[in-house]
PDB file of N, CA and C in Angstrom:
ATOM      1  N   MET A   1       0.834  -1.187   0.000  1.00  0.00           N
ATOM      2  CA  MET A   1       0.000   0.000   0.000  1.00  0.00           C
ATOM      3  C   MET A   1       0.874   1.245   0.000  1.00  0.00           C
ATOM      4  N   LYS A   2       0.508   2.167  -0.836  1.00  0.00           N
ATOM      5  CA  LYS A   2       1.223   3.434  -0.892  1.00  0.00           C
ATOM      6  C   LYS A   2       0.736   4.352   0.232  1.00  0.00           C
ATOM      7  N   PRO A   3       1.659   4.874   1.037  1.00  0.00           N
ATOM      8  CA  PRO A   3       1.222   5.819   2.074  1.00  0.00           C
ATOM      9  C   PRO A   3       0.934   7.197   1.483  1.00  0.00           C
ATOM     10  N   TYR A   4      -0.058   7.837   2.019  1.00  0.00           N
ATOM     11  CA  TYR A   4      -0.398   9.217   1.677  1.00  0.00           C
ATOM     12  C   TYR A   4      -0.333  10.035   2.961  1.00  0.00           C
ATOM     13  N   PHE A   5      -0.419  11.324   2.806  1.00  0.00           N
ATOM     14  CA  PHE A   5      -0.560  12.205   3.963  1.00  0.00           C
ATOM     15  C   PHE A   5      -1.810  13.027   3.751  1.00  0.00           C
ATOM     16  N   VAL A   6      -2.599  13.164   4.800  1.00  0.00           N
ATOM     17  CA  VAL A   6      -3.819  13.956   4.725  1.00  0.00           C
ATOM     18  C   VAL A   6      -3.683  15.171   5.630  1.00  0.00           C
ATOM     19  N   LEU A   7      -4.283  16.248   5.185  1.00  0.00           N
ATOM     20  CA  LEU A   7      -4.399  17.458   5.978  1.00  0.00           C
ATOM     21  C   LEU A   7      -5.861  17.560   6.381  1.00  0.00           C
ATOM     22  N   ILE A   8      -6.105  17.694   7.649  1.00  0.00           N
ATOM     23  CA  ILE A   8      -7.471  17.914   8.122  1.00  0.00           C
ATOM     24  C   ILE A   8      -7.542  19.361   8.582  1.00  0.00           C
ATOM     25  N   TYR A   9      -8.362  20.120   7.870  1.00  0.00           N
ATOM     26  CA  TYR A   9      -8.509  21.545   8.148  1.00  0.00           C
ATOM     27  C   TYR A   9      -9.788  21.789   8.923  1.00  0.00           C
ATOM     28  N   ARG A  10      -9.752  22.748   9.815  1.00  0.00           N
ATOM     29  CA  ARG A  10     -10.955  23.175  10.541  1.00  0.00           C
ATOM     30  C   ARG A  10     -10.919  24.698  10.650  1.00  0.00           C
ATOM     31  N   PRO A  11     -12.037  25.312  10.966  1.00  0.00           N
ATOM     32  CA  PRO A  11     -12.057  26.771  11.061  1.00  0.00           C
ATOM     33  C   PRO A  11     -11.030  27.295  12.060  1.00  0.00           C
ATOM     34  N   GLY A  12     -10.363  28.360  11.671  1.00  0.00           N
ATOM     35  CA  GLY A  12      -9.387  29.012  12.539  1.00  0.00           C
ATOM     36  C   GLY A  12      -9.981  30.249  13.191  1.00  0.00           C
ATOM     37  N   PRO A  13      -9.146  31.016  13.891  1.00  0.00           N
ATOM     38  CA  PRO A  13      -9.631  32.203  14.604  1.00  0.00           C
ATOM     39  C   PRO A  13     -10.270  33.258  13.697  1.00  0.00           C
ATOM     40  N   ASN A  14      -9.866  33.327  12.442  1.00  0.00           N
ATOM     41  CA  ASN A  14     -10.419  34.350  11.539  1.00  0.00           C
ATOM     42  C   ASN A  14     -11.551  33.838  10.652  1.00  0.00           C
ATOM     43  N   TRP A  15     -12.020  32.641  10.906  1.00  0.00           N
ATOM     44  CA  TRP A  15     -13.174  32.095  10.192  1.00  0.00           C
ATOM     45  C   TRP A  15     -14.410  32.880  10.620  1.00  0.00           C
ATOM     46  N   VAL A  16     -15.246  33.256   9.675  1.00  0.00           N
ATOM     47  CA  VAL A  16     -16.459  34.002   9.995  1.00  0.00           C
ATOM     48  C   VAL A  16     -17.535  32.995  10.406  1.00  0.00           C
ATOM     49  N   GLN A  17     -17.826  32.984  11.694  1.00  0.00           N
ATOM     50  CA  GLN A  17     -18.816  32.041  12.229  1.00  0.00           C
ATOM     51  C   GLN A  17     -20.187  32.288  11.603  1.00  0.00           C
ATOM     52  N   GLY A  18     -20.875  31.203  11.317  1.00  0.00           N
ATOM     53  CA  GLY A  18     -22.213  31.293  10.750  1.00  0.00           C
ATOM     54  C   GLY A  18     -22.239  31.400   9.237  1.00  0.00           C
ATOM     55  N   LYS A  19     -21.070  31.573   8.612  1.00  0.00           N
ATOM     56  CA  LYS A  19     -20.984  31.657   7.154  1.00  0.00           C
ATOM     57  C   LYS A  19     -20.548  30.296   6.611  1.00  0.00           C
ATOM     58  N   PRO A  20     -21.208  29.795   5.573  1.00  0.00           N
ATOM     59  CA  PRO A  20     -20.801  28.503   5.015  1.00  0.00           C
ATOM     60  C   PRO A  20     -19.413  28.593   4.370  1.00  0.00           C
ATOM     61  N   VAL A  21     -18.808  27.445   4.159  1.00  0.00           N
ATOM     62  CA  VAL A  21     -17.444  27.395   3.623  1.00  0.00           C
ATOM     63  C   VAL A  21     -17.314  28.164   2.311  1.00  0.00           C
ATOM     64  N   PHE A  22     -18.305  28.058   1.432  1.00  0.00           N
ATOM     65  CA  PHE A  22     -18.201  28.743   0.146  1.00  0.00           C
ATOM     66  C   PHE A  22     -18.537  30.229   0.249  1.00  0.00           C
ATOM     67  N   GLY A  23     -18.885  30.694   1.425  1.00  0.00           N
ATOM     68  CA  GLY A  23     -19.087  32.118   1.674  1.00  0.00           C
ATOM     69  C   GLY A  23     -17.883  32.774   2.330  1.00  0.00           C
ATOM     70  N   GLN A  24     -16.884  31.986   2.695  1.00  0.00           N
ATOM     71  CA  GLN A  24     -15.673  32.503   3.331  1.00  0.00           C
ATOM     72  C   GLN A  24     -14.735  33.087   2.271  1.00  0.00           C
ATOM     73  N   ALA A  25     -13.825  33.936   2.697  1.00  0.00           N
ATOM     74  CA  ALA A  25     -12.829  34.549   1.793  1.00  0.00           C
ATOM     75  C   ALA A  25     -11.678  33.573   1.580  1.00  0.00           C
ATOM     76  N   LEU A  26     -11.909  32.580   0.730  1.00  0.00           N
ATOM     77  CA  LEU A  26     -10.923  31.518   0.530  1.00  0.00           C
ATOM     78  C   LEU A  26     -10.329  31.491  -0.873  1.00  0.00           C
ATOM     79  N   GLY A  27     -10.438  32.585  -1.616  1.00  0.00           N
ATOM     80  CA  GLY A  27      -9.888  32.627  -2.972  1.00  0.00           C
ATOM     81  C   GLY A  27      -8.416  32.243  -3.043  1.00  0.00           C
ATOM     82  N   PRO A  28      -7.547  32.836  -2.202  1.00  0.00           N
ATOM     83  CA  PRO A  28      -6.131  32.452  -2.241  1.00  0.00           C
ATOM     84  C   PRO A  28      -5.892  30.979  -1.877  1.00  0.00           C
ATOM     85  N   HIS A  29      -6.676  30.462  -0.956  1.00  0.00           N
ATOM     86  CA  HIS A  29      -6.571  29.037  -0.580  1.00  0.00           C
ATOM     87  C   HIS A  29      -6.934  28.156  -1.774  1.00  0.00           C
ATOM     88  N   LEU A  30      -8.015  28.483  -2.450  1.00  0.00           N
ATOM     89  CA  LEU A  30      -8.444  27.685  -3.600  1.00  0.00           C
ATOM     90  C   LEU A  30      -7.421  27.754  -4.734  1.00  0.00           C
ATOM     91  N   ALA A  31      -6.828  28.917  -4.944  1.00  0.00           N
ATOM     92  CA  ALA A  31      -5.780  29.055  -5.965  1.00  0.00           C
ATOM     93  C   ALA A  31      -4.563  28.208  -5.594  1.00  0.00           C
ATOM     94  N   TYR A  32      -4.225  28.187  -4.317  1.00  0.00           N
ATOM     95  CA  TYR A  32      -3.105  27.372  -3.833  1.00  0.00           C
ATOM     96  C   TYR A  32      -3.393  25.895  -4.079  1.00  0.00           C
ATOM     97  N   MET A  33      -4.607  25.452  -3.775  1.00  0.00           N
ATOM     98  CA  MET A  33      -4.989  24.055  -3.999  1.00  0.00           C
ATOM     99  C   MET A  33      -4.930  23.713  -5.486  1.00  0.00           C
ATOM    100  N   LYS A  34      -5.376  24.637  -6.315  1.00  0.00           N
ATOM    101  CA  LYS A  34      -5.329  24.411  -7.763  1.00  0.00           C
ATOM    102  C   LYS A  34      -3.885  24.233  -8.226  1.00  0.00           C
ATOM    103  N   GLY A  35      -2.979  25.050  -7.699  1.00  0.00           N
ATOM    104  CA  GLY A  35      -1.564  24.919  -8.049  1.00  0.00           C
ATOM    105  C   GLY A  35      -0.983  23.589  -7.595  1.00  0.00           C
ATOM    106  N   LEU A  36      -1.361  23.135  -6.395  1.00  0.00           N
ATOM    107  CA  LEU A  36      -0.903  21.834  -5.916  1.00  0.00           C
ATOM    108  C   LEU A  36      -1.421  20.716  -6.815  1.00  0.00           C
ATOM    109  N   ASN A  37      -2.671  20.843  -7.231  1.00  0.00           N
ATOM    110  CA  ASN A  37      -3.263  19.843  -8.117  1.00  0.00           C
ATOM    111  C   ASN A  37      -2.537  19.807  -9.456  1.00  0.00           C
ATOM    112  N   GLU A  38      -2.289  20.970 -10.020  1.00  0.00           N
ATOM    113  CA  GLU A  38      -1.586  21.035 -11.308  1.00  0.00           C
ATOM    114  C   GLU A  38      -0.158  20.506 -11.201  1.00  0.00           C
ATOM    115  N   GLY A  39       0.445  20.642 -10.016  1.00  0.00           N
ATOM    116  CA  GLY A  39       1.794  20.138  -9.787  1.00  0.00           C
ATOM    117  C   GLY A  39       1.851  18.664  -9.413  1.00  0.00           C
ATOM    118  N   GLY A  40       0.703  18.005  -9.351  1.00  0.00           N
ATOM    119  CA  GLY A  40       0.658  16.589  -9.040  1.00  0.00           C
ATOM    120  C   GLY A  40       0.790  16.256  -7.561  1.00  0.00           C
ATOM    121  N   LEU A  41       0.733  17.257  -6.696  1.00  0.00           N
ATOM    122  CA  LEU A  41       0.894  17.020  -5.257  1.00  0.00           C
ATOM    123  C   LEU A  41      -0.425  16.780  -4.532  1.00  0.00           C
ATOM    124  N   LEU A  42      -1.529  17.079  -5.186  1.00  0.00           N
ATOM    125  CA  LEU A  42      -2.852  16.962  -4.572  1.00  0.00           C
ATOM    126  C   LEU A  42      -3.596  15.796  -5.201  1.00  0.00           C
ATOM    127  N   LYS A  43      -4.018  14.865  -4.365  1.00  0.00           N
ATOM    128  CA  LYS A  43      -4.780  13.717  -4.873  1.00  0.00           C
ATOM    129  C   LYS A  43      -6.273  14.029  -4.877  1.00  0.00           C
ATOM    130  N   MET A  44      -6.770  14.603  -3.791  1.00  0.00           N
ATOM    131  CA  MET A  44      -8.173  15.021  -3.712  1.00  0.00           C
ATOM    132  C   MET A  44      -8.328  15.986  -2.546  1.00  0.00           C
ATOM    133  N   ALA A  45      -9.378  16.776  -2.587  1.00  0.00           N
ATOM    134  CA  ALA A  45      -9.595  17.772  -1.534  1.00  0.00           C
ATOM    135  C   ALA A  45     -11.037  18.235  -1.540  1.00  0.00           C
ATOM    136  N   GLY A  46     -11.491  18.673  -0.367  1.00  0.00           N
ATOM    137  CA  GLY A  46     -12.812  19.263  -0.290  1.00  0.00           C
ATOM    138  C   GLY A  46     -13.309  19.378   1.133  1.00  0.00           C
ATOM    139  N   PRO A  47     -14.364  20.185   1.294  1.00  0.00           N
ATOM    140  CA  PRO A  47     -14.953  20.361   2.625  1.00  0.00           C
ATOM    141  C   PRO A  47     -15.937  19.250   2.941  1.00  0.00           C
ATOM    142  N   TYR A  48     -16.162  19.040   4.224  1.00  0.00           N
ATOM    143  CA  TYR A  48     -17.260  18.183   4.640  1.00  0.00           C
ATOM    144  C   TYR A  48     -18.542  18.983   4.465  1.00  0.00           C
ATOM    145  N   PRO A  49     -19.644  18.334   4.138  1.00  0.00           N
ATOM    146  CA  PRO A  49     -20.886  19.064   3.882  1.00  0.00           C
ATOM    147  C   PRO A  49     -21.430  19.841   5.077  1.00  0.00           C
ATOM    148  N   ASP A  50     -20.972  19.534   6.289  1.00  0.00           N
ATOM    149  CA  ASP A  50     -21.479  20.252   7.454  1.00  0.00           C
ATOM    150  C   ASP A  50     -20.692  21.528   7.754  1.00  0.00           C
ATOM    151  N   ASP A  51     -19.768  21.907   6.874  1.00  0.00           N
ATOM    152  CA  ASP A  51     -18.962  23.131   7.008  1.00  0.00           C
ATOM    153  C   ASP A  51     -18.059  23.141   8.237  1.00  0.00           C
ATOM    154  N   ALA A  52     -17.888  22.007   8.899  1.00  0.00           N
ATOM    155  CA  ALA A  52     -17.080  21.967  10.111  1.00  0.00           C
ATOM    156  C   ALA A  52     -15.589  21.846   9.830  1.00  0.00           C
ATOM    157  N   SER A  53     -15.244  21.230   8.712  1.00  0.00           N
ATOM    158  CA  SER A  53     -13.834  21.028   8.396  1.00  0.00           C
ATOM    159  C   SER A  53     -13.705  20.515   6.970  1.00  0.00           C
ATOM    160  N   GLY A  54     -12.471  20.224   6.585  1.00  0.00           N
ATOM    161  CA  GLY A  54     -12.218  19.712   5.253  1.00  0.00           C
ATOM    162  C   GLY A  54     -11.055  18.734   5.273  1.00  0.00           C
ATOM    163  N   LEU A  55     -10.913  17.996   4.192  1.00  0.00           N
ATOM    164  CA  LEU A  55      -9.891  16.968   4.076  1.00  0.00           C
ATOM    165  C   LEU A  55      -9.135  17.155   2.771  1.00  0.00           C
ATOM    166  N   ILE A  56      -7.821  17.054   2.859  1.00  0.00           N
ATOM    167  CA  ILE A  56      -6.958  17.145   1.684  1.00  0.00           C
ATOM    168  C   ILE A  56      -6.057  15.928   1.697  1.00  0.00           C
ATOM    169  N   VAL A  57      -6.039  15.176   0.599  1.00  0.00           N
ATOM    170  CA  VAL A  57      -5.160  14.028   0.470  1.00  0.00           C
ATOM    171  C   VAL A  57      -4.020  14.439  -0.450  1.00  0.00           C
ATOM    172  N   LEU A  58      -2.809  14.376   0.085  1.00  0.00           N
ATOM    173  CA  LEU A  58      -1.626  14.787  -0.667  1.00  0.00           C
ATOM    174  C   LEU A  58      -0.917  13.581  -1.262  1.00  0.00           C
ATOM    175  N   ASN A  59      -0.287  13.801  -2.381  1.00  0.00           N
ATOM    176  CA  ASN A  59       0.514  12.797  -3.055  1.00  0.00           C
ATOM    177  C   ASN A  59       1.986  13.148  -2.809  1.00  0.00           C
ATOM    178  N   VAL A  60       2.422  13.034  -1.553  1.00  0.00           N
ATOM    179  CA  VAL A  60       3.797  13.351  -1.155  1.00  0.00           C
ATOM    180  C   VAL A  60       4.368  12.163  -0.395  1.00  0.00           C
ATOM    181  N   THR A  61       5.678  12.170  -0.180  1.00  0.00           N
ATOM    182  CA  THR A  61       6.340  11.017   0.415  1.00  0.00           C
ATOM    183  C   THR A  61       6.761  11.199   1.861  1.00  0.00           C
ATOM    184  N   SER A  62       6.564  12.381   2.425  1.00  0.00           N
ATOM    185  CA  SER A  62       7.002  12.576   3.807  1.00  0.00           C
ATOM    186  C   SER A  62       6.093  13.542   4.563  1.00  0.00           C
ATOM    187  N   ALA A  63       6.104  13.382   5.879  1.00  0.00           N
ATOM    188  CA  ALA A  63       5.350  14.292   6.739  1.00  0.00           C
ATOM    189  C   ALA A  63       5.914  15.698   6.642  1.00  0.00           C
ATOM    190  N   ASP A  64       7.227  15.812   6.477  1.00  0.00           N
ATOM    191  CA  ASP A  64       7.835  17.141   6.329  1.00  0.00           C
ATOM    192  C   ASP A  64       7.272  17.867   5.116  1.00  0.00           C
ATOM    193  N   GLN A  65       7.157  17.162   3.987  1.00  0.00           N
ATOM    194  CA  GLN A  65       6.563  17.764   2.784  1.00  0.00           C
ATOM    195  C   GLN A  65       5.133  18.203   3.056  1.00  0.00           C
ATOM    196  N   ALA A  66       4.375  17.352   3.709  1.00  0.00           N
ATOM    197  CA  ALA A  66       2.970  17.671   4.009  1.00  0.00           C
ATOM    198  C   ALA A  66       2.882  18.904   4.906  1.00  0.00           C
ATOM    199  N   HIS A  67       3.741  18.982   5.914  1.00  0.00           N
ATOM    200  CA  HIS A  67       3.748  20.158   6.805  1.00  0.00           C
ATOM    201  C   HIS A  67       4.127  21.417   6.032  1.00  0.00           C
ATOM    202  N   GLN A  68       5.111  21.321   5.140  1.00  0.00           N
ATOM    203  CA  GLN A  68       5.507  22.481   4.340  1.00  0.00           C
ATOM    204  C   GLN A  68       4.364  22.959   3.463  1.00  0.00           C
ATOM    205  N   ILE A  69       3.650  22.026   2.866  1.00  0.00           N
ATOM    206  CA  ILE A  69       2.501  22.390   2.025  1.00  0.00           C
ATOM    207  C   ILE A  69       1.434  23.072   2.870  1.00  0.00           C
ATOM    208  N   MET A  70       1.146  22.513   4.031  1.00  0.00           N
ATOM    209  CA  MET A  70       0.128  23.120   4.886  1.00  0.00           C
ATOM    210  C   MET A  70       0.556  24.521   5.319  1.00  0.00           C
ATOM    211  N   GLN A  71       1.811  24.690   5.709  1.00  0.00           N
ATOM    212  CA  GLN A  71       2.287  25.997   6.161  1.00  0.00           C
ATOM    213  C   GLN A  71       2.309  27.026   5.024  1.00  0.00           C
ATOM    214  N   GLY A  72       2.400  26.576   3.776  1.00  0.00           N
ATOM    215  CA  GLY A  72       2.377  27.480   2.629  1.00  0.00           C
ATOM    216  C   GLY A  72       0.981  27.899   2.206  1.00  0.00           C
ATOM    217  N   ASP A  73      -0.032  27.305   2.795  1.00  0.00           N
ATOM    218  CA  ASP A  73      -1.417  27.595   2.424  1.00  0.00           C
ATOM    219  C   ASP A  73      -1.823  28.965   2.981  1.00  0.00           C
ATOM    220  N   PRO A  74      -2.293  29.866   2.121  1.00  0.00           N
ATOM    221  CA  PRO A  74      -2.724  31.186   2.590  1.00  0.00           C
ATOM    222  C   PRO A  74      -3.806  31.126   3.670  1.00  0.00           C
ATOM    223  N   ALA A  75      -4.660  30.121   3.652  1.00  0.00           N
ATOM    224  CA  ALA A  75      -5.713  30.016   4.674  1.00  0.00           C
ATOM    225  C   ALA A  75      -5.118  29.712   6.047  1.00  0.00           C
ATOM    226  N   ILE A  76      -4.005  29.010   6.083  1.00  0.00           N
ATOM    227  CA  ILE A  76      -3.309  28.751   7.346  1.00  0.00           C
ATOM    228  C   ILE A  76      -2.578  30.014   7.785  1.00  0.00           C
ATOM    229  N   ALA A  77      -1.895  30.663   6.844  1.00  0.00           N
ATOM    230  CA  ALA A  77      -1.121  31.875   7.160  1.00  0.00           C
ATOM    231  C   ALA A  77      -2.001  32.994   7.701  1.00  0.00           C
ATOM    232  N   THR A  78      -3.219  33.114   7.186  1.00  0.00           N
ATOM    233  CA  THR A  78      -4.129  34.170   7.638  1.00  0.00           C
ATOM    234  C   THR A  78      -5.024  33.723   8.789  1.00  0.00           C
ATOM    235  N   GLN A  79      -4.840  32.514   9.246  1.00  0.00           N
ATOM    236  CA  GLN A  79      -5.606  31.916  10.334  1.00  0.00           C
ATOM    237  C   GLN A  79      -7.104  31.796  10.033  1.00  0.00           C
ATOM    238  N   MET A  80      -7.431  31.730   8.743  1.00  0.00           N
ATOM    239  CA  MET A  80      -8.809  31.388   8.380  1.00  0.00           C
ATOM    240  C   MET A  80      -9.068  29.934   8.758  1.00  0.00           C
ATOM    241  N   MET A  81      -8.019  29.127   8.644  1.00  0.00           N
ATOM    242  CA  MET A  81      -8.109  27.716   8.991  1.00  0.00           C
ATOM    243  C   MET A  81      -6.891  27.322   9.810  1.00  0.00           C
ATOM    244  N   CYS A  82      -7.046  26.244  10.540  1.00  0.00           N
ATOM    245  CA  CYS A  82      -5.899  25.608  11.174  1.00  0.00           C
ATOM    246  C   CYS A  82      -5.965  24.138  10.754  1.00  0.00           C
ATOM    247  N   GLY A  83      -4.853  23.455  10.860  1.00  0.00           N
ATOM    248  CA  GLY A  83      -4.854  22.099  10.338  1.00  0.00           C
ATOM    249  C   GLY A  83      -3.884  21.182  11.042  1.00  0.00           C
ATOM    250  N   THR A  84      -4.062  19.904  10.747  1.00  0.00           N
ATOM    251  CA  THR A  84      -3.174  18.867  11.247  1.00  0.00           C
ATOM    252  C   THR A  84      -2.806  17.940  10.098  1.00  0.00           C
ATOM    253  N   VAL A  85      -1.652  17.314  10.212  1.00  0.00           N
ATOM    254  CA  VAL A  85      -1.145  16.380   9.212  1.00  0.00           C
ATOM    255  C   VAL A  85      -1.213  14.974   9.795  1.00  0.00           C
ATOM    256  N   HIS A  86      -1.699  14.039   8.979  1.00  0.00           N
ATOM    257  CA  HIS A  86      -1.789  12.644   9.410  1.00  0.00           C
ATOM    258  C   HIS A  86      -1.335  11.730   8.280  1.00  0.00           C
ATOM    259  N   PRO A  87      -0.573  10.665   8.591  1.00  0.00           N
ATOM    260  CA  PRO A  87      -0.306   9.646   7.570  1.00  0.00           C
ATOM    261  C   PRO A  87      -1.580   8.845   7.350  1.00  0.00           C
ATOM    262  N   TRP A  88      -1.740   8.309   6.145  1.00  0.00           N
ATOM    263  CA  TRP A  88      -2.972   7.608   5.808  1.00  0.00           C
ATOM    264  C   TRP A  88      -2.675   6.532   4.770  1.00  0.00           C
ATOM    265  N   LEU A  89      -3.331   5.385   4.893  1.00  0.00           N
ATOM    266  CA  LEU A  89      -3.199   4.295   3.935  1.00  0.00           C
ATOM    267  C   LEU A  89      -4.538   4.057   3.265  1.00  0.00           C
ATOM    268  N   ASN A  90      -4.522   3.999   1.947  1.00  0.00           N
ATOM    269  CA  ASN A  90      -5.728   3.674   1.189  1.00  0.00           C
ATOM    270  C   ASN A  90      -5.742   2.155   0.992  1.00  0.00           C
ATOM    271  N   VAL A  91      -6.575   1.464   1.731  1.00  0.00           N
ATOM    272  CA  VAL A  91      -6.591  -0.009   1.680  1.00  0.00           C
ATOM    273  C   VAL A  91      -7.162  -0.548   0.369  1.00  0.00           C
ATOM    274  N   LEU A  92      -7.773   0.295  -0.428  1.00  0.00           N
ATOM    275  CA  LEU A  92      -8.358  -0.159  -1.699  1.00  0.00           C
ATOM    276  C   LEU A  92      -7.412   0.040  -2.873  1.00  0.00           C
ATOM    277  N   GLU A  93      -6.243   0.569  -2.610  1.00  0.00           N
ATOM    278  CA  GLU A  93      -5.284   0.840  -3.676  1.00  0.00           C
ATOM    279  C   GLU A  93      -4.049  -0.023  -3.460  1.00  0.00           C
ATOM    280  N   ASP A  94      -3.520  -0.571  -4.527  1.00  0.00           N
ATOM    281  CA  ASP A  94      -2.289  -1.379  -4.426  1.00  0.00           C
ATOM    282  C   ASP A  94      -1.078  -0.510  -4.206  1.00  0.00           C
TER     283      ASP A  94
END
């Protein structure tokens, strides 16, 4: 099984409470995700439907890489979101 790293994002101190995820000022975050996707570093990403948090699956080989990607995210830098990095195994993939 190929290991992946996931980022679990949740609202940070600057998240506007009561506003849905697509109502937040996340343009720079979305552009960053698009760049990661185009660079082959992003496997999948998106919010949970309850607006409580989101999940990003990275196509990287180390926790250090995953942490660097998370720290480079404008949503983390502006404290719109905070996040954690976790190793993850996809049991359905060889």
